[in-house]
Amino acid sequence: MTEKDFYIKSNFIKFVKRFERENGSIVEFGSGLNFDQKIDIIYKTFESYYEQDRKQNSGESVTQDGSPETDREISED
């Protein structure tokens, strides 16, 4: 198991709640898609949450649009 997979599994409830805040019910999400497409989109979203958490925990912050902003860039403003 990779570090990323472990982190996603460890934070699954947190990620589901965040996904539902951003996209509505995870059960109803992608009702027009087939099951594999739906799961792929949800998992890729969870991977993006993982990346954002990693950046926040490594001394970078994430801007409103989700792009990383380093401490150096913040101090220059």
PDB file of N, CA and C in Angstrom:
ATOM      1  N   MET A   1       0.842  -1.170   0.000  1.00  0.00           N
ATOM      2  CA  MET A   1       0.000   0.000   0.000  1.00  0.00           C
ATOM      3  C   MET A   1       0.893   1.241   0.000  1.00  0.00           C
ATOM      4  N   THR A   2       0.563   2.178  -0.843  1.00  0.00           N
ATOM      5  CA  THR A   2       1.355   3.403  -0.909  1.00  0.00           C
ATOM      6  C   THR A   2       0.964   4.340   0.227  1.00  0.00           C
ATOM      7  N   GLU A   3       1.819   5.316   0.467  1.00  0.00           N
ATOM      8  CA  GLU A   3       1.528   6.335   1.481  1.00  0.00           C
ATOM      9  C   GLU A   3       0.229   7.065   1.138  1.00  0.00           C
ATOM     10  N   LYS A   4       0.061   7.380  -0.146  1.00  0.00           N
ATOM     11  CA  LYS A   4      -1.138   8.090  -0.593  1.00  0.00           C
ATOM     12  C   LYS A   4      -2.388   7.265  -0.315  1.00  0.00           C
ATOM     13  N   ASP A   5      -2.373   5.984  -0.673  1.00  0.00           N
ATOM     14  CA  ASP A   5      -3.532   5.120  -0.429  1.00  0.00           C
ATOM     15  C   ASP A   5      -3.845   5.013   1.063  1.00  0.00           C
ATOM     16  N   PHE A   6      -2.804   4.875   1.876  1.00  0.00           N
ATOM     17  CA  PHE A   6      -2.992   4.795   3.322  1.00  0.00           C
ATOM     18  C   PHE A   6      -3.623   6.081   3.849  1.00  0.00           C
ATOM     19  N   TYR A   7      -3.144   7.221   3.385  1.00  0.00           N
ATOM     20  CA  TYR A   7      -3.658   8.510   3.836  1.00  0.00           C
ATOM     21  C   TYR A   7      -5.127   8.665   3.437  1.00  0.00           C
ATOM     22  N   ILE A   8      -5.460   8.297   2.209  1.00  0.00           N
ATOM     23  CA  ILE A   8      -6.846   8.399   1.743  1.00  0.00           C
ATOM     24  C   ILE A   8      -7.741   7.485   2.582  1.00  0.00           C
ATOM     25  N   LYS A   9      -7.302   6.266   2.839  1.00  0.00           N
ATOM     26  CA  LYS A   9      -8.100   5.347   3.648  1.00  0.00           C
ATOM     27  C   LYS A   9      -8.248   5.853   5.079  1.00  0.00           C
ATOM     28  N   SER A  10      -7.194   6.441   5.621  1.00  0.00           N
ATOM     29  CA  SER A  10      -7.216   6.948   6.994  1.00  0.00           C
ATOM     30  C   SER A  10      -8.111   8.181   7.133  1.00  0.00           C
ATOM     31  N   ASN A  11      -8.279   8.913   6.062  1.00  0.00           N
ATOM     32  CA  ASN A  11      -9.069  10.150   6.086  1.00  0.00           C
ATOM     33  C   ASN A  11     -10.339  10.035   5.244  1.00  0.00           C
ATOM     34  N   PHE A  12     -10.800   8.815   5.052  1.00  0.00           N
ATOM     35  CA  PHE A  12     -11.914   8.563   4.142  1.00  0.00           C
ATOM     36  C   PHE A  12     -13.170   9.361   4.523  1.00  0.00           C
ATOM     37  N   ILE A  13     -13.559   9.320   5.782  1.00  0.00           N
ATOM     38  CA  ILE A  13     -14.775  10.022   6.216  1.00  0.00           C
ATOM     39  C   ILE A  13     -14.609  11.531   5.995  1.00  0.00           C
ATOM     40  N   LYS A  14     -13.458  12.057   6.335  1.00  0.00           N
ATOM     41  CA  LYS A  14     -13.180  13.488   6.128  1.00  0.00           C
ATOM     42  C   LYS A  14     -13.302  13.837   4.644  1.00  0.00           C
ATOM     43  N   PHE A  15     -12.755  13.003   3.781  1.00  0.00           N
ATOM     44  CA  PHE A  15     -12.787  13.268   2.346  1.00  0.00           C
ATOM     45  C   PHE A  15     -14.206  13.142   1.782  1.00  0.00           C
ATOM     46  N   VAL A  16     -14.971  12.165   2.277  1.00  0.00           N
ATOM     47  CA  VAL A  16     -16.357  12.019   1.819  1.00  0.00           C
ATOM     48  C   VAL A  16     -17.164  13.254   2.209  1.00  0.00           C
ATOM     49  N   LYS A  17     -16.994  13.710   3.442  1.00  0.00           N
ATOM     50  CA  LYS A  17     -17.715  14.907   3.890  1.00  0.00           C
ATOM     51  C   LYS A  17     -17.344  16.117   3.043  1.00  0.00           C
ATOM     52  N   ARG A  18     -16.059  16.273   2.762  1.00  0.00           N
ATOM     53  CA  ARG A  18     -15.619  17.398   1.929  1.00  0.00           C
ATOM     54  C   ARG A  18     -16.189  17.271   0.519  1.00  0.00           C
ATOM     55  N   PHE A  19     -16.127  16.075  -0.045  1.00  0.00           N
ATOM     56  CA  PHE A  19     -16.658  15.844  -1.382  1.00  0.00           C
ATOM     57  C   PHE A  19     -18.135  16.216  -1.432  1.00  0.00           C
ATOM     58  N   GLU A  20     -18.886  15.815  -0.410  1.00  0.00           N
ATOM     59  CA  GLU A  20     -20.317  16.106  -0.391  1.00  0.00           C
ATOM     60  C   GLU A  20     -20.600  17.589  -0.203  1.00  0.00           C
ATOM     61  N   ARG A  21     -19.746  18.293   0.533  1.00  0.00           N
ATOM     62  CA  ARG A  21     -19.913  19.756   0.648  1.00  0.00           C
ATOM     63  C   ARG A  21     -19.730  20.419  -0.708  1.00  0.00           C
ATOM     64  N   GLU A  22     -18.802  19.899  -1.494  1.00  0.00           N
ATOM     65  CA  GLU A  22     -18.467  20.504  -2.780  1.00  0.00           C
ATOM     66  C   GLU A  22     -19.351  20.014  -3.925  1.00  0.00           C
ATOM     67  N   ASN A  23     -19.891  18.786  -3.829  1.00  0.00           N
ATOM     68  CA  ASN A  23     -20.574  18.171  -4.971  1.00  0.00           C
ATOM     69  C   ASN A  23     -21.962  17.615  -4.678  1.00  0.00           C
ATOM     70  N   GLY A  24     -22.422  17.712  -3.466  1.00  0.00           N
ATOM     71  CA  GLY A  24     -23.692  17.082  -3.116  1.00  0.00           C
ATOM     72  C   GLY A  24     -23.468  15.635  -2.719  1.00  0.00           C
ATOM     73  N   SER A  25     -24.549  14.933  -2.526  1.00  0.00           N
ATOM     74  CA  SER A  25     -24.502  13.546  -2.054  1.00  0.00           C
ATOM     75  C   SER A  25     -23.596  12.683  -2.932  1.00  0.00           C
ATOM     76  N   ILE A  26     -22.706  11.936  -2.278  1.00  0.00           N
ATOM     77  CA  ILE A  26     -21.800  11.059  -3.008  1.00  0.00           C
ATOM     78  C   ILE A  26     -22.575   9.915  -3.680  1.00  0.00           C
ATOM     79  N   VAL A  27     -23.715   9.546  -3.097  1.00  0.00           N
ATOM     80  CA  VAL A  27     -24.534   8.484  -3.667  1.00  0.00           C
ATOM     81  C   VAL A  27     -25.196   8.951  -4.956  1.00  0.00           C
ATOM     82  N   GLU A  28     -25.654  10.191  -4.963  1.00  0.00           N
ATOM     83  CA  GLU A  28     -26.349  10.725  -6.134  1.00  0.00           C
ATOM     84  C   GLU A  28     -25.400  11.335  -7.166  1.00  0.00           C
ATOM     85  N   PHE A  29     -24.152  11.571  -6.780  1.00  0.00           N
ATOM     86  CA  PHE A  29     -23.171  12.173  -7.682  1.00  0.00           C
ATOM     87  C   PHE A  29     -23.003  11.319  -8.940  1.00  0.00           C
ATOM     88  N   GLY A  30     -22.955  11.974 -10.078  1.00  0.00           N
ATOM     89  CA  GLY A  30     -22.688  11.288 -11.338  1.00  0.00           C
ATOM     90  C   GLY A  30     -23.729  10.266 -11.713  1.00  0.00           C
ATOM     91  N   SER A  31     -24.981  10.568 -11.440  1.00  0.00           N
ATOM     92  CA  SER A  31     -26.039   9.589 -11.710  1.00  0.00           C
ATOM     93  C   SER A  31     -26.122   9.210 -13.191  1.00  0.00           C
ATOM     94  N   GLY A  32     -25.622  10.068 -14.068  1.00  0.00           N
ATOM     95  CA  GLY A  32     -25.638   9.764 -15.492  1.00  0.00           C
ATOM     96  C   GLY A  32     -24.407   9.012 -15.978  1.00  0.00           C
ATOM     97  N   LEU A  33     -23.476   8.751 -15.063  1.00  0.00           N
ATOM     98  CA  LEU A  33     -22.231   8.056 -15.431  1.00  0.00           C
ATOM     99  C   LEU A  33     -22.321   6.583 -15.070  1.00  0.00           C
ATOM    100  N   ASN A  34     -21.484   5.775 -15.738  1.00  0.00           N
ATOM    101  CA  ASN A  34     -21.430   4.378 -15.311  1.00  0.00           C
ATOM    102  C   ASN A  34     -20.610   4.285 -14.025  1.00  0.00           C
ATOM    103  N   PHE A  35     -20.720   3.170 -13.339  1.00  0.00           N
ATOM    104  CA  PHE A  35     -20.106   3.001 -12.020  1.00  0.00           C
ATOM    105  C   PHE A  35     -18.603   3.258 -12.043  1.00  0.00           C
ATOM    106  N   ASP A  36     -17.885   2.699 -13.027  1.00  0.00           N
ATOM    107  CA  ASP A  36     -16.430   2.865 -13.096  1.00  0.00           C
ATOM    108  C   ASP A  36     -16.024   4.326 -13.257  1.00  0.00           C
ATOM    109  N   GLN A  37     -16.746   5.074 -14.087  1.00  0.00           N
ATOM    110  CA  GLN A  37     -16.443   6.493 -14.276  1.00  0.00           C
ATOM    111  C   GLN A  37     -16.673   7.271 -12.984  1.00  0.00           C
ATOM    112  N   LYS A  38     -17.766   6.971 -12.322  1.00  0.00           N
ATOM    113  CA  LYS A  38     -18.112   7.641 -11.074  1.00  0.00           C
ATOM    114  C   LYS A  38     -17.024   7.415 -10.016  1.00  0.00           C
ATOM    115  N   ILE A  39     -16.615   6.168  -9.839  1.00  0.00           N
ATOM    116  CA  ILE A  39     -15.582   5.838  -8.852  1.00  0.00           C
ATOM    117  C   ILE A  39     -14.258   6.503  -9.215  1.00  0.00           C
ATOM    118  N   ASP A  40     -13.910   6.517 -10.498  1.00  0.00           N
ATOM    119  CA  ASP A  40     -12.666   7.140 -10.951  1.00  0.00           C
ATOM    120  C   ASP A  40     -12.646   8.629 -10.621  1.00  0.00           C
ATOM    121  N   ILE A  41     -13.729   9.316 -10.866  1.00  0.00           N
ATOM    122  CA  ILE A  41     -13.803  10.755 -10.578  1.00  0.00           C
ATOM    123  C   ILE A  41     -13.684  11.004  -9.077  1.00  0.00           C
ATOM    124  N   ILE A  42     -14.395  10.216  -8.287  1.00  0.00           N
ATOM    125  CA  ILE A  42     -14.345  10.379  -6.831  1.00  0.00           C
ATOM    126  C   ILE A  42     -12.937  10.106  -6.318  1.00  0.00           C
ATOM    127  N   TYR A  43     -12.295   9.041  -6.797  1.00  0.00           N
ATOM    128  CA  TYR A  43     -10.941   8.718  -6.328  1.00  0.00           C
ATOM    129  C   TYR A  43      -9.941   9.797  -6.733  1.00  0.00           C
ATOM    130  N   LYS A  44     -10.044  10.315  -7.940  1.00  0.00           N
ATOM    131  CA  LYS A  44      -9.149  11.388  -8.378  1.00  0.00           C
ATOM    132  C   LYS A  44      -9.360  12.642  -7.528  1.00  0.00           C
ATOM    133  N   THR A  45     -10.587  12.897  -7.124  1.00  0.00           N
ATOM    134  CA  THR A  45     -10.868  14.025  -6.235  1.00  0.00           C
ATOM    135  C   THR A  45     -10.212  13.790  -4.885  1.00  0.00           C
ATOM    136  N   PHE A  46     -10.315  12.579  -4.357  1.00  0.00           N
ATOM    137  CA  PHE A  46      -9.667  12.248  -3.087  1.00  0.00           C
ATOM    138  C   PHE A  46      -8.146  12.387  -3.204  1.00  0.00           C
ATOM    139  N   GLU A  47      -7.578  12.010  -4.343  1.00  0.00           N
ATOM    140  CA  GLU A  47      -6.134  12.193  -4.555  1.00  0.00           C
ATOM    141  C   GLU A  47      -5.774  13.675  -4.518  1.00  0.00           C
ATOM    142  N   SER A  48      -6.628  14.521  -5.071  1.00  0.00           N
ATOM    143  CA  SER A  48      -6.343  15.964  -5.041  1.00  0.00           C
ATOM    144  C   SER A  48      -6.422  16.489  -3.606  1.00  0.00           C
ATOM    145  N   TYR A  49      -7.345  15.956  -2.798  1.00  0.00           N
ATOM    146  CA  TYR A  49      -7.414  16.345  -1.388  1.00  0.00           C
ATOM    147  C   TYR A  49      -6.128  15.935  -0.666  1.00  0.00           C
ATOM    148  N   TYR A  50      -5.637  14.744  -0.978  1.00  0.00           N
ATOM    149  CA  TYR A  50      -4.380  14.263  -0.397  1.00  0.00           C
ATOM    150  C   TYR A  50      -3.237  15.212  -0.745  1.00  0.00           C
ATOM    151  N   GLU A  51      -3.130  15.589  -2.018  1.00  0.00           N
ATOM    152  CA  GLU A  51      -2.064  16.497  -2.451  1.00  0.00           C
ATOM    153  C   GLU A  51      -2.167  17.839  -1.744  1.00  0.00           C
ATOM    154  N   GLN A  52      -3.376  18.348  -1.604  1.00  0.00           N
ATOM    155  CA  GLN A  52      -3.564  19.625  -0.916  1.00  0.00           C
ATOM    156  C   GLN A  52      -3.162  19.520   0.548  1.00  0.00           C
ATOM    157  N   ASP A  53      -3.534  18.436   1.208  1.00  0.00           N
ATOM    158  CA  ASP A  53      -3.150  18.224   2.607  1.00  0.00           C
ATOM    159  C   ASP A  53      -1.638  18.118   2.742  1.00  0.00           C
ATOM    160  N   ARG A  54      -0.996  17.404   1.830  1.00  0.00           N
ATOM    161  CA  ARG A  54       0.467  17.267   1.867  1.00  0.00           C
ATOM    162  C   ARG A  54       1.138  18.627   1.758  1.00  0.00           C
ATOM    163  N   LYS A  55       0.661  19.461   0.844  1.00  0.00           N
ATOM    164  CA  LYS A  55       1.255  20.784   0.655  1.00  0.00           C
ATOM    165  C   LYS A  55       1.051  21.654   1.880  1.00  0.00           C
ATOM    166  N   GLN A  56      -0.121  21.570   2.489  1.00  0.00           N
ATOM    167  CA  GLN A  56      -0.387  22.351   3.693  1.00  0.00           C
ATOM    168  C   GLN A  56       0.495  21.912   4.844  1.00  0.00           C
ATOM    169  N   ASN A  57       0.761  20.624   4.942  1.00  0.00           N
ATOM    170  CA  ASN A  57       1.562  20.090   6.036  1.00  0.00           C
ATOM    171  C   ASN A  57       3.056  20.216   5.798  1.00  0.00           C
ATOM    172  N   SER A  58       3.460  20.631   4.589  1.00  0.00           N
ATOM    173  CA  SER A  58       4.885  20.748   4.302  1.00  0.00           C
ATOM    174  C   SER A  58       5.343  22.203   4.275  1.00  0.00           C
ATOM    175  N   GLY A  59       4.566  23.103   4.859  1.00  0.00           N
ATOM    176  CA  GLY A  59       4.982  24.497   4.907  1.00  0.00           C
ATOM    177  C   GLY A  59       4.425  25.341   3.779  1.00  0.00           C
ATOM    178  N   GLU A  60       3.640  24.749   2.916  1.00  0.00           N
ATOM    179  CA  GLU A  60       2.980  25.515   1.872  1.00  0.00           C
ATOM    180  C   GLU A  60       1.526  25.681   2.267  1.00  0.00           C
ATOM    181  N   SER A  61       0.955  26.775   1.842  1.00  0.00           N
ATOM    182  CA  SER A  61      -0.480  26.916   2.029  1.00  0.00           C
ATOM    183  C   SER A  61      -1.141  26.778   0.669  1.00  0.00           C
ATOM    184  N   VAL A  62      -2.432  26.593   0.691  1.00  0.00           N
ATOM    185  CA  VAL A  62      -3.172  26.452  -0.545  1.00  0.00           C
ATOM    186  C   VAL A  62      -4.083  27.654  -0.673  1.00  0.00           C
ATOM    187  N   THR A  63      -4.053  28.312  -1.823  1.00  0.00           N
ATOM    188  CA  THR A  63      -4.873  29.492  -2.034  1.00  0.00           C
ATOM    189  C   THR A  63      -6.326  29.098  -2.220  1.00  0.00           C
ATOM    190  N   GLN A  64      -7.190  30.077  -2.291  1.00  0.00           N
ATOM    191  CA  GLN A  64      -8.619  29.838  -2.431  1.00  0.00           C
ATOM    192  C   GLN A  64      -8.943  28.934  -3.617  1.00  0.00           C
ATOM    193  N   ASP A  65      -8.195  29.086  -4.723  1.00  0.00           N
ATOM    194  CA  ASP A  65      -8.470  28.273  -5.910  1.00  0.00           C
ATOM    195  C   ASP A  65      -7.795  26.913  -5.858  1.00  0.00           C
ATOM    196  N   GLY A  66      -7.112  26.606  -4.739  1.00  0.00           N
ATOM    197  CA  GLY A  66      -6.505  25.294  -4.573  1.00  0.00           C
ATOM    198  C   GLY A  66      -5.068  25.206  -5.038  1.00  0.00           C
ATOM    199  N   SER A  67      -4.516  26.316  -5.554  1.00  0.00           N
ATOM    200  CA  SER A  67      -3.131  26.273  -6.011  1.00  0.00           C
ATOM    201  C   SER A  67      -2.189  26.511  -4.837  1.00  0.00           C
ATOM    202  N   PRO A  68      -1.029  25.863  -4.834  1.00  0.00           N
ATOM    203  CA  PRO A  68      -0.107  26.017  -3.706  1.00  0.00           C
ATOM    204  C   PRO A  68       0.526  27.398  -3.674  1.00  0.00           C
ATOM    205  N   GLU A  69       0.798  27.840  -2.470  1.00  0.00           N
ATOM    206  CA  GLU A  69       1.475  29.110  -2.270  1.00  0.00           C
ATOM    207  C   GLU A  69       2.492  28.864  -1.169  1.00  0.00           C
ATOM    208  N   THR A  70       3.756  29.064  -1.462  1.00  0.00           N
ATOM    209  CA  THR A  70       4.786  28.751  -0.463  1.00  0.00           C
ATOM    210  C   THR A  70       4.882  29.871   0.558  1.00  0.00           C
ATOM    211  N   ASP A  71       5.528  29.591   1.685  1.00  0.00           N
ATOM    212  CA  ASP A  71       5.729  30.591   2.718  1.00  0.00           C
ATOM    213  C   ASP A  71       6.501  31.789   2.161  1.00  0.00           C
ATOM    214  N   ARG A  72       7.454  31.519   1.285  1.00  0.00           N
ATOM    215  CA  ARG A  72       8.247  32.571   0.693  1.00  0.00           C
ATOM    216  C   ARG A  72       7.375  33.532  -0.112  1.00  0.00           C
ATOM    217  N   GLU A  73       6.453  32.979  -0.892  1.00  0.00           N
ATOM    218  CA  GLU A  73       5.555  33.826  -1.683  1.00  0.00           C
ATOM    219  C   GLU A  73       4.653  34.639  -0.781  1.00  0.00           C
ATOM    220  N   ILE A  74       4.238  34.057   0.347  1.00  0.00           N
ATOM    221  CA  ILE A  74       3.362  34.764   1.277  1.00  0.00           C
ATOM    222  C   ILE A  74       4.105  35.938   1.894  1.00  0.00           C
ATOM    223  N   SER A  75       5.341  35.738   2.298  1.00  0.00           N
ATOM    224  CA  SER A  75       6.093  36.790   2.969  1.00  0.00           C
ATOM    225  C   SER A  75       6.462  37.922   2.019  1.00  0.00           C
ATOM    226  N   GLU A  76       6.478  37.671   0.728  1.00  0.00           N
ATOM    227  CA  GLU A  76       6.818  38.711  -0.238  1.00  0.00           C
ATOM    228  C   GLU A  76       5.654  39.637  -0.517  1.00  0.00           C
ATOM    229  N   ASP A  77       4.420  39.241  -0.141  1.00  0.00           N
ATOM    230  CA  ASP A  77       3.233  40.072  -0.412  1.00  0.00           C
ATOM    231  C   ASP A  77       3.163  41.274   0.477  1.00  0.00           C
TER     232      ASP A  77
END
